[in-house]
Structure formats: structure tokens, C-alpha cells
Amino acid sequence: MRNERGMSGSVQVSLLLPVALGIFLLLLQWSLVAWADATALAAAQQGAASAAALGGDRLEGQAEAAAVAGNGALSGVTVRVERGSRQTRATVSGRAVSLIWPREVSQTVVVTTERLTNS
């Protein structure tokens, strides 16, 4: 008789497969949240730039931001744009696609409002 040490192959697979699957799902969820975060940032940048442009307005910025945020990375998107005399602020919020846990994502961008001045 041989001296067999360790676990059999089927026991190893039954213990390691759930761990490997869990790590895979965590990495996939992390990538979906990163995609949603990047989408929210890009949408906020586009909305702020459109609203802050000379002749731009708040509604135009909201429409641009909503269009960029509509790529499927976010659900329940809310866009808020505030155009002031010196600064324009755009905030895009939503929920990332969820496999394991739901995650809210929000990004805010502040840019200088373009305006004509007397030189």
C-alpha cells in the first residue's frame, strides 16, 4: 500500500471552484463599477462643458450629459447642472450594473463659465 497524502482531486476542485468563481465575480463587479464611474465622469464633463460655453445654458448641458450617460453603464441616471456667472457645476448620479451588490455612483465637475468681459 502506498502512503497517499493530501486531498483527492475531486475534493480539491469542490473546494477551490467556489473560491475561484467568487474571485471572478468580484473582479467582474469591480469592472462594472469602474465603467459606471468613468461614464458618470465623462457625462458630467460633457454636460459642464456644454452648459459653460458662451451661449450655452443649463438645459443644453443636462441633455448632453444624459446622452453621454446613456451607454448602458448606469441605470436611474439623474443629471443636475447649475450655471452661474463664474462657475458651472454638473453632477451625474446613477446606479452601476449589479451582479453582487448594488452600488451608487456620482461624479461632479466644476468648470469656469465662459463670458465676455470688458478689456
Protein backbone atom coordinates (compact mmCIF):
# COMPACT_ATOMS: atom_id res chain seq x y z
CA MET A 1 0.00 0.00 0.00
CA ARG A 2 1.14 3.46 -0.87
CA ASN A 3 1.18 6.27 1.60
CA GLU A 4 -1.20 8.79 -0.01
CA ARG A 5 -1.10 12.28 1.40
CA GLY A 6 -3.26 15.28 0.55
CA MET A 7 -6.74 15.57 -0.79
CA SER A 8 -8.18 13.83 -3.77
CA GLY A 9 -8.67 15.79 -7.00
CA SER A 10 -12.45 15.96 -6.68
CA VAL A 11 -12.24 17.35 -3.14
CA GLN A 12 -9.76 19.99 -4.27
CA VAL A 13 -12.00 21.03 -7.16
CA SER A 14 -15.09 21.17 -4.96
CA LEU A 15 -13.26 23.45 -2.51
CA LEU A 16 -11.39 25.67 -4.97
CA LEU A 17 -14.04 26.14 -7.66
CA PRO A 18 -16.37 28.28 -5.48
CA VAL A 19 -13.40 30.40 -4.39
CA ALA A 20 -12.28 30.93 -8.00
CA LEU A 21 -15.84 31.72 -9.08
CA GLY A 22 -16.21 34.22 -6.23
CA ILE A 23 -13.00 35.99 -7.19
CA PHE A 24 -14.12 36.11 -10.82
CA LEU A 25 -17.49 37.64 -9.85
CA LEU A 26 -15.82 40.21 -7.60
CA LEU A 27 -13.49 41.27 -10.41
CA LEU A 28 -16.40 41.49 -12.83
CA GLN A 29 -18.41 43.62 -10.37
CA TRP A 30 -15.40 45.86 -9.78
CA SER A 31 -15.00 46.40 -13.53
CA LEU A 32 -18.71 47.26 -13.93
CA VAL A 33 -18.46 49.84 -11.12
CA ALA A 34 -15.30 51.31 -12.69
CA TRP A 35 -17.10 51.54 -16.06
CA ALA A 36 -20.08 53.27 -14.43
CA ASP A 37 -17.76 55.68 -12.58
CA ALA A 38 -15.92 56.58 -15.80
CA THR A 39 -19.24 57.03 -17.62
CA ALA A 40 -20.56 59.36 -14.91
CA LEU A 41 -17.36 61.41 -15.04
CA ALA A 42 -17.44 61.69 -18.84
CA ALA A 43 -21.12 62.67 -18.76
CA ALA A 44 -20.51 65.33 -16.09
CA GLN A 45 -17.57 66.74 -18.07
CA GLN A 46 -19.61 66.93 -21.27
CA GLY A 47 -22.60 68.47 -19.51
CA ALA A 48 -20.49 71.08 -17.73
CA ALA A 49 -18.61 71.98 -20.92
CA SER A 50 -21.83 72.38 -22.91
CA ALA A 51 -23.53 74.47 -20.25
CA ALA A 52 -20.45 76.64 -19.59
CA ALA A 53 -19.86 77.51 -23.25
CA LEU A 54 -20.62 81.02 -24.37
CA GLY A 55 -24.29 80.95 -25.31
CA GLY A 56 -24.84 77.61 -23.57
CA ASP A 57 -27.50 77.01 -20.95
CA ARG A 58 -28.41 74.59 -18.18
CA LEU A 59 -30.89 72.57 -20.24
CA GLU A 60 -28.38 72.04 -23.04
CA GLY A 61 -25.83 70.77 -20.50
CA GLN A 62 -28.37 68.38 -18.99
CA ALA A 63 -29.29 66.99 -22.40
CA GLU A 64 -25.63 66.45 -23.36
CA ALA A 65 -24.82 64.76 -20.05
CA ALA A 66 -27.87 62.48 -20.28
CA ALA A 67 -26.88 61.48 -23.82
CA VAL A 68 -23.36 60.52 -22.73
CA ALA A 69 -24.65 58.66 -19.65
CA GLY A 70 -26.99 56.55 -21.77
CA ASN A 71 -24.36 53.96 -22.77
CA GLY A 72 -25.72 51.20 -20.52
CA ALA A 73 -23.26 51.53 -17.65
CA LEU A 74 -25.73 53.41 -15.41
CA SER A 75 -29.38 52.96 -14.57
CA GLY A 76 -31.61 55.52 -12.89
CA VAL A 77 -29.46 58.39 -14.14
CA THR A 78 -30.00 61.84 -12.65
CA VAL A 79 -28.28 64.90 -14.08
CA ARG A 80 -28.05 68.23 -12.30
CA VAL A 81 -26.45 71.27 -13.94
CA GLU A 82 -26.04 74.67 -12.29
CA ARG A 83 -24.76 77.52 -14.47
CA GLY A 84 -23.52 80.53 -12.55
CA SER A 85 -21.85 83.73 -13.68
CA ARG A 86 -18.36 82.40 -12.82
CA GLN A 87 -18.66 78.63 -12.47
CA THR A 88 -20.75 75.85 -13.95
CA ARG A 89 -21.28 72.65 -11.97
CA ALA A 90 -22.57 69.36 -13.39
CA THR A 91 -23.38 66.30 -11.28
CA VAL A 92 -24.29 62.92 -12.76
CA SER A 93 -25.54 60.14 -10.49
CA GLY A 94 -26.86 56.66 -11.08
CA ARG A 95 -26.63 53.01 -10.16
CA ALA A 96 -23.94 50.74 -11.61
CA VAL A 97 -24.91 47.45 -13.23
CA SER A 98 -25.07 44.99 -10.35
CA LEU A 99 -24.02 41.35 -10.15
CA ILE A 100 -23.23 41.02 -6.46
CA TRP A 101 -24.10 44.25 -4.66
CA PRO A 102 -25.82 47.48 -5.76
CA ARG A 103 -23.54 50.48 -5.96
CA GLU A 104 -24.46 54.15 -6.37
CA VAL A 105 -22.07 56.24 -8.47
CA SER A 106 -21.86 60.04 -8.55
CA GLN A 107 -19.42 62.43 -10.21
CA THR A 108 -19.29 66.24 -10.09
CA VAL A 109 -17.35 68.53 -12.41
CA VAL A 110 -16.87 72.28 -11.94
CA VAL A 111 -15.65 74.43 -14.84
CA THR A 112 -15.31 78.15 -15.46
CA THR A 113 -18.27 79.71 -17.26
CA GLU A 114 -17.32 81.43 -20.48
CA ARG A 115 -18.30 85.08 -20.56
CA LEU A 116 -17.49 88.31 -22.33
CA THR A 117 -15.63 90.91 -20.32
CA ASN A 118 -14.65 94.49 -20.98
CA SER A 119 -10.90 94.67 -21.54
